Amino acid sequence: MKYLYYAILVIMVILSLAAGAAKVSNMQQEIQFFEEAGIGSTWMLPLGCLQIIGGLLAIYRRTRQAGSAVIAIGFLLSTFVIFATGNSIFGVFSLLPVLLCIFIFWRANGLSQSL
């Protein structure tokens, strides 16, 4: 179970950092995606920074719970944007990273006490 936890952690950190970097670097696809949702690109930078900060916090054991919570919030906000575009199937699928981050949050406390 410990190896599964670390595999999920690595995947979530990479996803969060990559999603945040795409938003911070103002990639055309992200701009178009936010405009389709009717939000505009002004919220891309704060959301991207949030995702990058969450990914960095989740790397270290001491800040892993906070990082996983921040990642979950970032992905949840992204999921709301996806639902705003009308793509409900992809929106439901996008809830998976949120659930995985909740698993990391829950498990990080147990592993830090046992290590």
PDB file of N, CA and C in Angstrom:
ATOM      1  N   MET A   1       0.823  -1.196   0.000  1.00  0.00           N
ATOM      2  CA  MET A   1       0.000   0.000   0.000  1.00  0.00           C
ATOM      3  C   MET A   1       0.866   1.259   0.000  1.00  0.00           C
ATOM      4  N   LYS A   2       2.031   1.161   0.648  1.00  0.00           N
ATOM      5  CA  LYS A   2       2.919   2.313   0.711  1.00  0.00           C
ATOM      6  C   LYS A   2       3.419   2.703  -0.678  1.00  0.00           C
ATOM      7  N   TYR A   3       3.706   1.704  -1.513  1.00  0.00           N
ATOM      8  CA  TYR A   3       4.194   2.005  -2.867  1.00  0.00           C
ATOM      9  C   TYR A   3       3.107   2.636  -3.728  1.00  0.00           C
ATOM     10  N   LEU A   4       1.874   2.180  -3.551  1.00  0.00           N
ATOM     11  CA  LEU A   4       0.749   2.775  -4.270  1.00  0.00           C
ATOM     12  C   LEU A   4       0.576   4.230  -3.853  1.00  0.00           C
ATOM     13  N   TYR A   5       0.703   4.487  -2.564  1.00  0.00           N
ATOM     14  CA  TYR A   5       0.596   5.854  -2.048  1.00  0.00           C
ATOM     15  C   TYR A   5       1.637   6.754  -2.691  1.00  0.00           C
ATOM     16  N   TYR A   6       2.883   6.310  -2.727  1.00  0.00           N
ATOM     17  CA  TYR A   6       3.938   7.142  -3.310  1.00  0.00           C
ATOM     18  C   TYR A   6       3.783   7.301  -4.815  1.00  0.00           C
ATOM     19  N   ALA A   7       3.283   6.271  -5.486  1.00  0.00           N
ATOM     20  CA  ALA A   7       3.037   6.393  -6.928  1.00  0.00           C
ATOM     21  C   ALA A   7       1.947   7.438  -7.195  1.00  0.00           C
ATOM     22  N   ILE A   8       0.878   7.398  -6.421  1.00  0.00           N
ATOM     23  CA  ILE A   8      -0.193   8.388  -6.573  1.00  0.00           C
ATOM     24  C   ILE A   8       0.327   9.776  -6.242  1.00  0.00           C
ATOM     25  N   LEU A   9       1.153   9.872  -5.196  1.00  0.00           N
ATOM     26  CA  LEU A   9       1.725  11.164  -4.813  1.00  0.00           C
ATOM     27  C   LEU A   9       2.557  11.756  -5.940  1.00  0.00           C
ATOM     28  N   VAL A  10       3.419  10.962  -6.535  1.00  0.00           N
ATOM     29  CA  VAL A  10       4.271  11.448  -7.625  1.00  0.00           C
ATOM     30  C   VAL A  10       3.418  11.896  -8.809  1.00  0.00           C
ATOM     31  N   ILE A  11       2.414  11.108  -9.146  1.00  0.00           N
ATOM     32  CA  ILE A  11       1.541  11.461 -10.266  1.00  0.00           C
ATOM     33  C   ILE A  11       0.814  12.773  -9.993  1.00  0.00           C
ATOM     34  N   MET A  12       0.298  12.934  -8.780  1.00  0.00           N
ATOM     35  CA  MET A  12      -0.450  14.152  -8.450  1.00  0.00           C
ATOM     36  C   MET A  12       0.462  15.377  -8.423  1.00  0.00           C
ATOM     37  N   VAL A  13       1.681  15.221  -7.924  1.00  0.00           N
ATOM     38  CA  VAL A  13       2.624  16.344  -7.915  1.00  0.00           C
ATOM     39  C   VAL A  13       2.958  16.760  -9.345  1.00  0.00           C
ATOM     40  N   ILE A  14       3.240  15.785 -10.202  1.00  0.00           N
ATOM     41  CA  ILE A  14       3.573  16.091 -11.594  1.00  0.00           C
ATOM     42  C   ILE A  14       2.381  16.737 -12.305  1.00  0.00           C
ATOM     43  N   LEU A  15       1.193  16.192 -12.103  1.00  0.00           N
ATOM     44  CA  LEU A  15      -0.007  16.774 -12.727  1.00  0.00           C
ATOM     45  C   LEU A  15      -0.237  18.203 -12.262  1.00  0.00           C
ATOM     46  N   SER A  16      -0.078  18.440 -10.972  1.00  0.00           N
ATOM     47  CA  SER A  16      -0.311  19.778 -10.430  1.00  0.00           C
ATOM     48  C   SER A  16       0.716  20.766 -10.960  1.00  0.00           C
ATOM     49  N   LEU A  17       1.980  20.371 -10.969  1.00  0.00           N
ATOM     50  CA  LEU A  17       3.026  21.259 -11.479  1.00  0.00           C
ATOM     51  C   LEU A  17       2.838  21.537 -12.967  1.00  0.00           C
ATOM     52  N   ALA A  18       2.490  20.503 -13.728  1.00  0.00           N
ATOM     53  CA  ALA A  18       2.293  20.681 -15.170  1.00  0.00           C
ATOM     54  C   ALA A  18       1.079  21.558 -15.464  1.00  0.00           C
ATOM     55  N   ALA A  19      -0.020  21.320 -14.754  1.00  0.00           N
ATOM     56  CA  ALA A  19      -1.219  22.137 -14.967  1.00  0.00           C
ATOM     57  C   ALA A  19      -0.970  23.587 -14.562  1.00  0.00           C
ATOM     58  N   GLY A  20      -0.264  23.774 -13.457  1.00  0.00           N
ATOM     59  CA  GLY A  20       0.056  25.129 -13.021  1.00  0.00           C
ATOM     60  C   GLY A  20       0.978  25.839 -13.988  1.00  0.00           C
ATOM     61  N   ALA A  21       1.986  25.127 -14.491  1.00  0.00           N
ATOM     62  CA  ALA A  21       2.924  25.726 -15.439  1.00  0.00           C
ATOM     63  C   ALA A  21       2.226  26.119 -16.735  1.00  0.00           C
ATOM     64  N   ALA A  22       1.274  25.301 -17.174  1.00  0.00           N
ATOM     65  CA  ALA A  22       0.531  25.622 -18.399  1.00  0.00           C
ATOM     66  C   ALA A  22      -0.274  26.903 -18.224  1.00  0.00           C
ATOM     67  N   LYS A  23      -0.832  27.086 -17.045  1.00  0.00           N
ATOM     68  CA  LYS A  23      -1.624  28.294 -16.797  1.00  0.00           C
ATOM     69  C   LYS A  23      -0.742  29.524 -16.620  1.00  0.00           C
ATOM     70  N   VAL A  24       0.355  29.377 -15.891  1.00  0.00           N
ATOM     71  CA  VAL A  24       1.250  30.511 -15.637  1.00  0.00           C
ATOM     72  C   VAL A  24       1.924  30.977 -16.923  1.00  0.00           C
ATOM     73  N   SER A  25       2.229  30.042 -17.817  1.00  0.00           N
ATOM     74  CA  SER A  25       2.907  30.410 -19.061  1.00  0.00           C
ATOM     75  C   SER A  25       1.933  30.883 -20.142  1.00  0.00           C
ATOM     76  N   ASN A  26       0.658  31.015 -19.789  1.00  0.00           N
ATOM     77  CA  ASN A  26      -0.369  31.519 -20.713  1.00  0.00           C
ATOM     78  C   ASN A  26      -0.418  30.742 -22.022  1.00  0.00           C
ATOM     79  N   MET A  27      -0.474  29.436 -21.916  1.00  0.00           N
ATOM     80  CA  MET A  27      -0.592  28.613 -23.114  1.00  0.00           C
ATOM     81  C   MET A  27      -1.925  28.907 -23.799  1.00  0.00           C
ATOM     82  N   GLN A  28      -1.908  28.924 -25.108  1.00  0.00           N
ATOM     83  CA  GLN A  28      -3.081  29.278 -25.908  1.00  0.00           C
ATOM     84  C   GLN A  28      -4.274  28.388 -25.591  1.00  0.00           C
ATOM     85  N   GLN A  29      -4.042  27.090 -25.377  1.00  0.00           N
ATOM     86  CA  GLN A  29      -5.140  26.180 -25.074  1.00  0.00           C
ATOM     87  C   GLN A  29      -5.815  26.547 -23.757  1.00  0.00           C
ATOM     88  N   GLU A  30      -5.022  26.941 -22.777  1.00  0.00           N
ATOM     89  CA  GLU A  30      -5.579  27.325 -21.482  1.00  0.00           C
ATOM     90  C   GLU A  30      -6.389  28.618 -21.604  1.00  0.00           C
ATOM     91  N   ILE A  31      -5.858  29.579 -22.344  1.00  0.00           N
ATOM     92  CA  ILE A  31      -6.579  30.841 -22.549  1.00  0.00           C
ATOM     93  C   ILE A  31      -7.921  30.580 -23.214  1.00  0.00           C
ATOM     94  N   GLN A  32      -7.905  29.774 -24.262  1.00  0.00           N
ATOM     95  CA  GLN A  32      -9.134  29.441 -24.985  1.00  0.00           C
ATOM     96  C   GLN A  32     -10.113  28.702 -24.071  1.00  0.00           C
ATOM     97  N   PHE A  33      -9.595  27.794 -23.264  1.00  0.00           N
ATOM     98  CA  PHE A  33     -10.433  27.016 -22.349  1.00  0.00           C
ATOM     99  C   PHE A  33     -11.137  27.922 -21.340  1.00  0.00           C
ATOM    100  N   PHE A  34     -10.402  28.867 -20.759  1.00  0.00           N
ATOM    101  CA  PHE A  34     -10.988  29.785 -19.782  1.00  0.00           C
ATOM    102  C   PHE A  34     -11.980  30.741 -20.438  1.00  0.00           C
ATOM    103  N   GLU A  35     -11.690  31.160 -21.669  1.00  0.00           N
ATOM    104  CA  GLU A  35     -12.618  32.041 -22.379  1.00  0.00           C
ATOM    105  C   GLU A  35     -13.906  31.308 -22.736  1.00  0.00           C
ATOM    106  N   GLU A  36     -13.810  30.018 -23.087  1.00  0.00           N
ATOM    107  CA  GLU A  36     -15.012  29.230 -23.382  1.00  0.00           C
ATOM    108  C   GLU A  36     -15.889  29.089 -22.146  1.00  0.00           C
ATOM    109  N   ALA A  37     -15.265  29.069 -20.992  1.00  0.00           N
ATOM    110  CA  ALA A  37     -16.020  28.956 -19.740  1.00  0.00           C
ATOM    111  C   ALA A  37     -16.625  30.292 -19.333  1.00  0.00           C
ATOM    112  N   GLY A  38     -16.237  31.357 -20.018  1.00  0.00           N
ATOM    113  CA  GLY A  38     -16.759  32.672 -19.698  1.00  0.00           C
ATOM    114  C   GLY A  38     -16.061  33.324 -18.527  1.00  0.00           C
ATOM    115  N   ILE A  39     -14.899  32.817 -18.175  1.00  0.00           N
ATOM    116  CA  ILE A  39     -14.165  33.336 -17.019  1.00  0.00           C
ATOM    117  C   ILE A  39     -13.118  34.355 -17.445  1.00  0.00           C
ATOM    118  N   GLY A  40     -12.523  34.158 -18.576  1.00  0.00           N
ATOM    119  CA  GLY A  40     -11.440  35.027 -19.017  1.00  0.00           C
ATOM    120  C   GLY A  40     -10.124  34.551 -18.433  1.00  0.00           C
ATOM    121  N   SER A  41      -9.066  35.063 -18.984  1.00  0.00           N
ATOM    122  CA  SER A  41      -7.742  34.569 -18.593  1.00  0.00           C
ATOM    123  C   SER A  41      -7.193  35.237 -17.331  1.00  0.00           C
ATOM    124  N   THR A  42      -7.937  36.130 -16.710  1.00  0.00           N
ATOM    125  CA  THR A  42      -7.420  36.818 -15.522  1.00  0.00           C
ATOM    126  C   THR A  42      -7.260  35.876 -14.330  1.00  0.00           C
ATOM    127  N   TRP A  43      -8.036  34.803 -14.286  1.00  0.00           N
ATOM    128  CA  TRP A  43      -7.948  33.861 -13.171  1.00  0.00           C
ATOM    129  C   TRP A  43      -6.957  32.735 -13.430  1.00  0.00           C
ATOM    130  N   MET A  44      -6.347  32.718 -14.602  1.00  0.00           N
ATOM    131  CA  MET A  44      -5.387  31.655 -14.912  1.00  0.00           C
ATOM    132  C   MET A  44      -4.142  31.751 -14.049  1.00  0.00           C
ATOM    133  N   LEU A  45      -3.594  32.938 -13.896  1.00  0.00           N
ATOM    134  CA  LEU A  45      -2.357  33.097 -13.124  1.00  0.00           C
ATOM    135  C   LEU A  45      -2.544  32.707 -11.662  1.00  0.00           C
ATOM    136  N   PRO A  46      -3.583  33.185 -10.962  1.00  0.00           N
ATOM    137  CA  PRO A  46      -3.746  32.750  -9.569  1.00  0.00           C
ATOM    138  C   PRO A  46      -3.968  31.242  -9.435  1.00  0.00           C
ATOM    139  N   LEU A  47      -4.764  30.663 -10.334  1.00  0.00           N
ATOM    140  CA  LEU A  47      -4.999  29.224 -10.272  1.00  0.00           C
ATOM    141  C   LEU A  47      -3.724  28.453 -10.583  1.00  0.00           C
ATOM    142  N   GLY A  48      -2.958  28.911 -11.557  1.00  0.00           N
ATOM    143  CA  GLY A  48      -1.687  28.258 -11.885  1.00  0.00           C
ATOM    144  C   GLY A  48      -0.702  28.327 -10.730  1.00  0.00           C
ATOM    145  N   CYS A  49      -0.617  29.482 -10.088  1.00  0.00           N
ATOM    146  CA  CYS A  49       0.271  29.625  -8.925  1.00  0.00           C
ATOM    147  C   CYS A  49      -0.173  28.715  -7.791  1.00  0.00           C
ATOM    148  N   LEU A  50      -1.479  28.617  -7.586  1.00  0.00           N
ATOM    149  CA  LEU A  50      -2.014  27.742  -6.546  1.00  0.00           C
ATOM    150  C   LEU A  50      -1.624  26.290  -6.810  1.00  0.00           C
ATOM    151  N   GLN A  51      -1.733  25.859  -8.063  1.00  0.00           N
ATOM    152  CA  GLN A  51      -1.390  24.486  -8.404  1.00  0.00           C
ATOM    153  C   GLN A  51       0.106  24.231  -8.261  1.00  0.00           C
ATOM    154  N   ILE A  52       0.929  25.186  -8.611  1.00  0.00           N
ATOM    155  CA  ILE A  52       2.377  25.019  -8.463  1.00  0.00           C
ATOM    156  C   ILE A  52       2.753  24.966  -6.989  1.00  0.00           C
ATOM    157  N   ILE A  53       2.198  25.859  -6.193  1.00  0.00           N
ATOM    158  CA  ILE A  53       2.493  25.871  -4.753  1.00  0.00           C
ATOM    159  C   ILE A  53       2.056  24.562  -4.105  1.00  0.00           C
ATOM    160  N   GLY A  54       0.874  24.085  -4.460  1.00  0.00           N
ATOM    161  CA  GLY A  54       0.394  22.812  -3.920  1.00  0.00           C
ATOM    162  C   GLY A  54       1.310  21.657  -4.283  1.00  0.00           C
ATOM    163  N   GLY A  55       1.748  21.622  -5.534  1.00  0.00           N
ATOM    164  CA  GLY A  55       2.657  20.561  -5.968  1.00  0.00           C
ATOM    165  C   GLY A  55       3.975  20.595  -5.221  1.00  0.00           C
ATOM    166  N   LEU A  56       4.513  21.784  -5.008  1.00  0.00           N
ATOM    167  CA  LEU A  56       5.772  21.907  -4.285  1.00  0.00           C
ATOM    168  C   LEU A  56       5.607  21.543  -2.809  1.00  0.00           C
ATOM    169  N   LEU A  57       4.511  21.947  -2.205  1.00  0.00           N
ATOM    170  CA  LEU A  57       4.272  21.615  -0.797  1.00  0.00           C
ATOM    171  C   LEU A  57       4.094  20.114  -0.592  1.00  0.00           C
ATOM    172  N   ALA A  58       3.490  19.441  -1.547  1.00  0.00           N
ATOM    173  CA  ALA A  58       3.217  18.011  -1.401  1.00  0.00           C
ATOM    174  C   ALA A  58       4.475  17.161  -1.499  1.00  0.00           C
ATOM    175  N   ILE A  59       5.553  17.718  -1.996  1.00  0.00           N
ATOM    176  CA  ILE A  59       6.791  16.953  -2.133  1.00  0.00           C
ATOM    177  C   ILE A  59       7.362  16.592  -0.765  1.00  0.00           C
ATOM    178  N   TYR A  60       7.310  17.522   0.161  1.00  0.00           N
ATOM    179  CA  TYR A  60       7.965  17.335   1.458  1.00  0.00           C
ATOM    180  C   TYR A  60       6.990  16.749   2.475  1.00  0.00           C
ATOM    181  N   ARG A  61       7.473  15.789   3.236  1.00  0.00           N
ATOM    182  CA  ARG A  61       6.644  15.077   4.203  1.00  0.00           C
ATOM    183  C   ARG A  61       5.982  16.028   5.196  1.00  0.00           C
ATOM    184  N   ARG A  62       6.722  17.021   5.630  1.00  0.00           N
ATOM    185  CA  ARG A  62       6.223  17.938   6.652  1.00  0.00           C
ATOM    186  C   ARG A  62       5.048  18.790   6.161  1.00  0.00           C
ATOM    187  N   THR A  63       5.032  19.099   4.879  1.00  0.00           N
ATOM    188  CA  THR A  63       3.970  19.949   4.321  1.00  0.00           C
ATOM    189  C   THR A  63       3.057  19.189   3.358  1.00  0.00           C
ATOM    190  N   ARG A  64       3.139  17.872   3.391  1.00  0.00           N
ATOM    191  CA  ARG A  64       2.405  17.059   2.421  1.00  0.00           C
ATOM    192  C   ARG A  64       0.898  17.197   2.559  1.00  0.00           C
ATOM    193  N   GLN A  65       0.387  17.231   3.770  1.00  0.00           N
ATOM    194  CA  GLN A  65      -1.059  17.365   3.938  1.00  0.00           C
ATOM    195  C   GLN A  65      -1.548  18.708   3.406  1.00  0.00           C
ATOM    196  N   ALA A  66      -0.836  19.757   3.730  1.00  0.00           N
ATOM    197  CA  ALA A  66      -1.224  21.077   3.226  1.00  0.00           C
ATOM    198  C   ALA A  66      -1.133  21.102   1.704  1.00  0.00           C
ATOM    199  N   GLY A  67      -0.073  20.534   1.165  1.00  0.00           N
ATOM    200  CA  GLY A  67       0.100  20.497  -0.284  1.00  0.00           C
ATOM    201  C   GLY A  67      -0.992  19.715  -0.980  1.00  0.00           C
ATOM    202  N   SER A  68      -1.356  18.568  -0.418  1.00  0.00           N
ATOM    203  CA  SER A  68      -2.408  17.772  -1.046  1.00  0.00           C
ATOM    204  C   SER A  68      -3.756  18.488  -0.964  1.00  0.00           C
ATOM    205  N   ALA A  69      -3.977  19.230   0.112  1.00  0.00           N
ATOM    206  CA  ALA A  69      -5.215  20.007   0.216  1.00  0.00           C
ATOM    207  C   ALA A  69      -5.240  21.124  -0.824  1.00  0.00           C
ATOM    208  N   VAL A  70      -4.104  21.787  -1.017  1.00  0.00           N
ATOM    209  CA  VAL A  70      -4.024  22.868  -2.004  1.00  0.00           C
ATOM    210  C   VAL A  70      -4.188  22.309  -3.418  1.00  0.00           C
ATOM    211  N   ILE A  71      -3.572  21.159  -3.683  1.00  0.00           N
ATOM    212  CA  ILE A  71      -3.731  20.524  -4.992  1.00  0.00           C
ATOM    213  C   ILE A  71      -5.196  20.172  -5.225  1.00  0.00           C
ATOM    214  N   ALA A  72      -5.843  19.601  -4.218  1.00  0.00           N
ATOM    215  CA  ALA A  72      -7.258  19.230  -4.356  1.00  0.00           C
ATOM    216  C   ALA A  72      -8.108  20.453  -4.648  1.00  0.00           C
ATOM    217  N   ILE A  73      -7.842  21.566  -3.965  1.00  0.00           N
ATOM    218  CA  ILE A  73      -8.595  22.796  -4.207  1.00  0.00           C
ATOM    219  C   ILE A  73      -8.358  23.290  -5.630  1.00  0.00           C
ATOM    220  N   GLY A  74      -7.092  23.247  -6.068  1.00  0.00           N
ATOM    221  CA  GLY A  74      -6.770  23.678  -7.431  1.00  0.00           C
ATOM    222  C   GLY A  74      -7.471  22.841  -8.486  1.00  0.00           C
ATOM    223  N   PHE A  75      -7.453  21.520  -8.300  1.00  0.00           N
ATOM    224  CA  PHE A  75      -8.133  20.654  -9.265  1.00  0.00           C
ATOM    225  C   PHE A  75      -9.648  20.789  -9.175  1.00  0.00           C
ATOM    226  N   LEU A  76     -10.166  21.058  -7.992  1.00  0.00           N
ATOM    227  CA  LEU A  76     -11.599  21.271  -7.853  1.00  0.00           C
ATOM    228  C   LEU A  76     -12.032  22.549  -8.572  1.00  0.00           C
ATOM    229  N   LEU A  77     -11.242  23.602  -8.450  1.00  0.00           N
ATOM    230  CA  LEU A  77     -11.536  24.835  -9.182  1.00  0.00           C
ATOM    231  C   LEU A  77     -11.469  24.606 -10.690  1.00  0.00           C
ATOM    232  N   SER A  78     -10.473  23.842 -11.122  1.00  0.00           N
ATOM    233  CA  SER A  78     -10.372  23.509 -12.549  1.00  0.00           C
ATOM    234  C   SER A  78     -11.577  22.700 -13.008  1.00  0.00           C
ATOM    235  N   THR A  79     -12.057  21.819 -12.144  1.00  0.00           N
ATOM    236  CA  THR A  79     -13.234  21.022 -12.480  1.00  0.00           C
ATOM    237  C   THR A  79     -14.463  21.912 -12.640  1.00  0.00           C
ATOM    238  N   PHE A  80     -14.588  22.930 -11.785  1.00  0.00           N
ATOM    239  CA  PHE A  80     -15.703  23.868 -11.939  1.00  0.00           C
ATOM    240  C   PHE A  80     -15.623  24.590 -13.283  1.00  0.00           C
ATOM    241  N   VAL A  81     -14.405  24.934 -13.706  1.00  0.00           N
ATOM    242  CA  VAL A  81     -14.232  25.583 -15.007  1.00  0.00           C
ATOM    243  C   VAL A  81     -14.642  24.624 -16.126  1.00  0.00           C
ATOM    244  N   ILE A  82     -14.288  23.357 -15.978  1.00  0.00           N
ATOM    245  CA  ILE A  82     -14.662  22.359 -16.980  1.00  0.00           C
ATOM    246  C   ILE A  82     -16.176  22.235 -17.064  1.00  0.00           C
ATOM    247  N   PHE A  83     -16.835  22.183 -15.915  1.00  0.00           N
ATOM    248  CA  PHE A  83     -18.302  22.126 -15.928  1.00  0.00           C
ATOM    249  C   PHE A  83     -18.899  23.386 -16.544  1.00  0.00           C
ATOM    250  N   ALA A  84     -18.248  24.533 -16.348  1.00  0.00           N
ATOM    251  CA  ALA A  84     -18.745  25.788 -16.913  1.00  0.00           C
ATOM    252  C   ALA A  84     -18.693  25.787 -18.435  1.00  0.00           C
ATOM    253  N   THR A  85     -17.804  24.991 -19.015  1.00  0.00           N
ATOM    254  CA  THR A  85     -17.747  24.888 -20.474  1.00  0.00           C
ATOM    255  C   THR A  85     -18.833  23.970 -21.018  1.00  0.00           C
ATOM    256  N   GLY A  86     -19.534  23.270 -20.127  1.00  0.00           N
ATOM    257  CA  GLY A  86     -20.595  22.368 -20.564  1.00  0.00           C
ATOM    258  C   GLY A  86     -20.135  20.952 -20.805  1.00  0.00           C
ATOM    259  N   ASN A  87     -18.903  20.652 -20.534  1.00  0.00           N
ATOM    260  CA  ASN A  87     -18.356  19.316 -20.747  1.00  0.00           C
ATOM    261  C   ASN A  87     -18.476  18.508 -19.454  1.00  0.00           C
ATOM    262  N   SER A  88     -19.670  17.988 -19.198  1.00  0.00           N
ATOM    263  CA  SER A  88     -19.924  17.320 -17.926  1.00  0.00           C
ATOM    264  C   SER A  88     -19.229  15.966 -17.806  1.00  0.00           C
ATOM    265  N   ILE A  89     -19.034  15.262 -18.898  1.00  0.00           N
ATOM    266  CA  ILE A  89     -18.358  13.960 -18.826  1.00  0.00           C
ATOM    267  C   ILE A  89     -16.908  14.150 -18.405  1.00  0.00           C
ATOM    268  N   PHE A  90     -16.212  15.078 -19.022  1.00  0.00           N
ATOM    269  CA  PHE A  90     -14.831  15.363 -18.641  1.00  0.00           C
ATOM    270  C   PHE A  90     -14.774  15.968 -17.236  1.00  0.00           C
ATOM    271  N   GLY A  91     -15.798  16.718 -16.862  1.00  0.00           N
ATOM    272  CA  GLY A  91     -15.859  17.287 -15.522  1.00  0.00           C
ATOM    273  C   GLY A  91     -15.925  16.218 -14.453  1.00  0.00           C
ATOM    274  N   VAL A  92     -16.752  15.210 -14.679  1.00  0.00           N
ATOM    275  CA  VAL A  92     -16.847  14.108 -13.715  1.00  0.00           C
ATOM    276  C   VAL A  92     -15.512  13.364 -13.645  1.00  0.00           C
ATOM    277  N   PHE A  93     -14.899  13.123 -14.794  1.00  0.00           N
ATOM    278  CA  PHE A  93     -13.599  12.450 -14.829  1.00  0.00           C
ATOM    279  C   PHE A  93     -12.536  13.289 -14.112  1.00  0.00           C
ATOM    280  N   SER A  94     -12.669  14.605 -14.164  1.00  0.00           N
ATOM    281  CA  SER A  94     -11.696  15.506 -13.539  1.00  0.00           C
ATOM    282  C   SER A  94     -11.797  15.519 -12.017  1.00  0.00           C
ATOM    283  N   LEU A  95     -12.815  14.915 -11.488  1.00  0.00           N
ATOM    284  CA  LEU A  95     -12.916  14.795 -10.034  1.00  0.00           C
ATOM    285  C   LEU A  95     -11.983  13.719  -9.476  1.00  0.00           C
ATOM    286  N   LEU A  96     -11.470  12.853 -10.342  1.00  0.00           N
ATOM    287  CA  LEU A  96     -10.559  11.790  -9.896  1.00  0.00           C
ATOM    288  C   LEU A  96      -9.309  12.332  -9.213  1.00  0.00           C
ATOM    289  N   PRO A  97      -8.612  13.341  -9.762  1.00  0.00           N
ATOM    290  CA  PRO A  97      -7.457  13.882  -9.037  1.00  0.00           C
ATOM    291  C   PRO A  97      -7.826  14.461  -7.675  1.00  0.00           C
ATOM    292  N   VAL A  98      -9.015  15.026  -7.557  1.00  0.00           N
ATOM    293  CA  VAL A  98      -9.452  15.556  -6.260  1.00  0.00           C
ATOM    294  C   VAL A  98      -9.567  14.411  -5.255  1.00  0.00           C
ATOM    295  N   LEU A  99     -10.163  13.311  -5.676  1.00  0.00           N
ATOM    296  CA  LEU A  99     -10.297  12.153  -4.794  1.00  0.00           C
ATOM    297  C   LEU A  99      -8.938  11.562  -4.430  1.00  0.00           C
ATOM    298  N   LEU A 100      -8.033  11.527  -5.391  1.00  0.00           N
ATOM    299  CA  LEU A 100      -6.696  11.012  -5.109  1.00  0.00           C
ATOM    300  C   LEU A 100      -5.947  11.912  -4.126  1.00  0.00           C
ATOM    301  N   CYS A 101      -6.152  13.210  -4.221  1.00  0.00           N
ATOM    302  CA  CYS A 101      -5.521  14.134  -3.272  1.00  0.00           C
ATOM    303  C   CYS A 101      -6.114  13.987  -1.872  1.00  0.00           C
ATOM    304  N   ILE A 102      -7.394  13.684  -1.795  1.00  0.00           N
ATOM    305  CA  ILE A 102      -7.995  13.407  -0.491  1.00  0.00           C
ATOM    306  C   ILE A 102      -7.371  12.150   0.104  1.00  0.00           C
ATOM    307  N   PHE A 103      -7.128  11.142  -0.725  1.00  0.00           N
ATOM    308  CA  PHE A 103      -6.449   9.930  -0.271  1.00  0.00           C
ATOM    309  C   PHE A 103      -5.046  10.262   0.250  1.00  0.00           C
ATOM    310  N   ILE A 104      -4.303  11.087  -0.477  1.00  0.00           N
ATOM    311  CA  ILE A 104      -2.961  11.485  -0.041  1.00  0.00           C
ATOM    312  C   ILE A 104      -3.050  12.231   1.284  1.00  0.00           C
ATOM    313  N   PHE A 105      -3.987  13.160   1.400  1.00  0.00           N
ATOM    314  CA  PHE A 105      -4.161  13.925   2.629  1.00  0.00           C
ATOM    315  C   PHE A 105      -4.430  12.993   3.808  1.00  0.00           C
ATOM    316  N   TRP A 106      -5.342  12.065   3.618  1.00  0.00           N
ATOM    317  CA  TRP A 106      -5.717  11.133   4.672  1.00  0.00           C
ATOM    318  C   TRP A 106      -4.556  10.212   5.041  1.00  0.00           C
ATOM    319  N   ARG A 107      -3.856   9.740   4.035  1.00  0.00           N
ATOM    320  CA  ARG A 107      -2.773   8.775   4.233  1.00  0.00           C
ATOM    321  C   ARG A 107      -1.502   9.438   4.746  1.00  0.00           C
ATOM    322  N   ALA A 108      -1.270  10.696   4.418  1.00  0.00           N
ATOM    323  CA  ALA A 108      -0.044  11.381   4.843  1.00  0.00           C
ATOM    324  C   ALA A 108       0.044  11.457   6.353  1.00  0.00           C
ATOM    325  N   ASN A 109      -1.049  11.661   7.009  1.00  0.00           N
ATOM    326  CA  ASN A 109      -1.054  11.721   8.465  1.00  0.00           C
ATOM    327  C   ASN A 109      -0.682  10.373   9.059  1.00  0.00           C
ATOM    328  N   GLY A 110      -1.222   9.297   8.522  1.00  0.00           N
ATOM    329  CA  GLY A 110      -0.919   7.957   9.024  1.00  0.00           C
ATOM    330  C   GLY A 110       0.519   7.545   8.774  1.00  0.00           C
ATOM    331  N   LEU A 111       1.061   7.887   7.606  1.00  0.00           N
ATOM    332  CA  LEU A 111       2.445   7.517   7.312  1.00  0.00           C
ATOM    333  C   LEU A 111       3.417   8.328   8.132  1.00  0.00           C
ATOM    334  N   SER A 112       3.141   9.593   8.384  1.00  0.00           N
ATOM    335  CA  SER A 112       4.070  10.403   9.143  1.00  0.00           C
ATOM    336  C   SER A 112       4.127   9.957  10.607  1.00  0.00           C
ATOM    337  N   GLN A 113       3.025   9.381  11.105  1.00  0.00           N
ATOM    338  CA  GLN A 113       3.037   8.884  12.459  1.00  0.00           C
ATOM    339  C   GLN A 113       3.742   7.552  12.562  1.00  0.00           C
ATOM    340  N   SER A 114       3.734   6.757  11.476  1.00  0.00           N
ATOM    341  CA  SER A 114       4.360   5.430  11.525  1.00  0.00           C
ATOM    342  C   SER A 114       5.830   5.462  11.141  1.00  0.00           C
ATOM    343  N   LEU A 115       6.306   6.563  10.528  1.00  0.00           N
ATOM    344  CA  LEU A 115       7.712   6.625  10.112  1.00  0.00           C
ATOM    345  C   LEU A 115       8.583   7.239  11.168  1.00  0.00           C
TER     346      LEU A 115
END
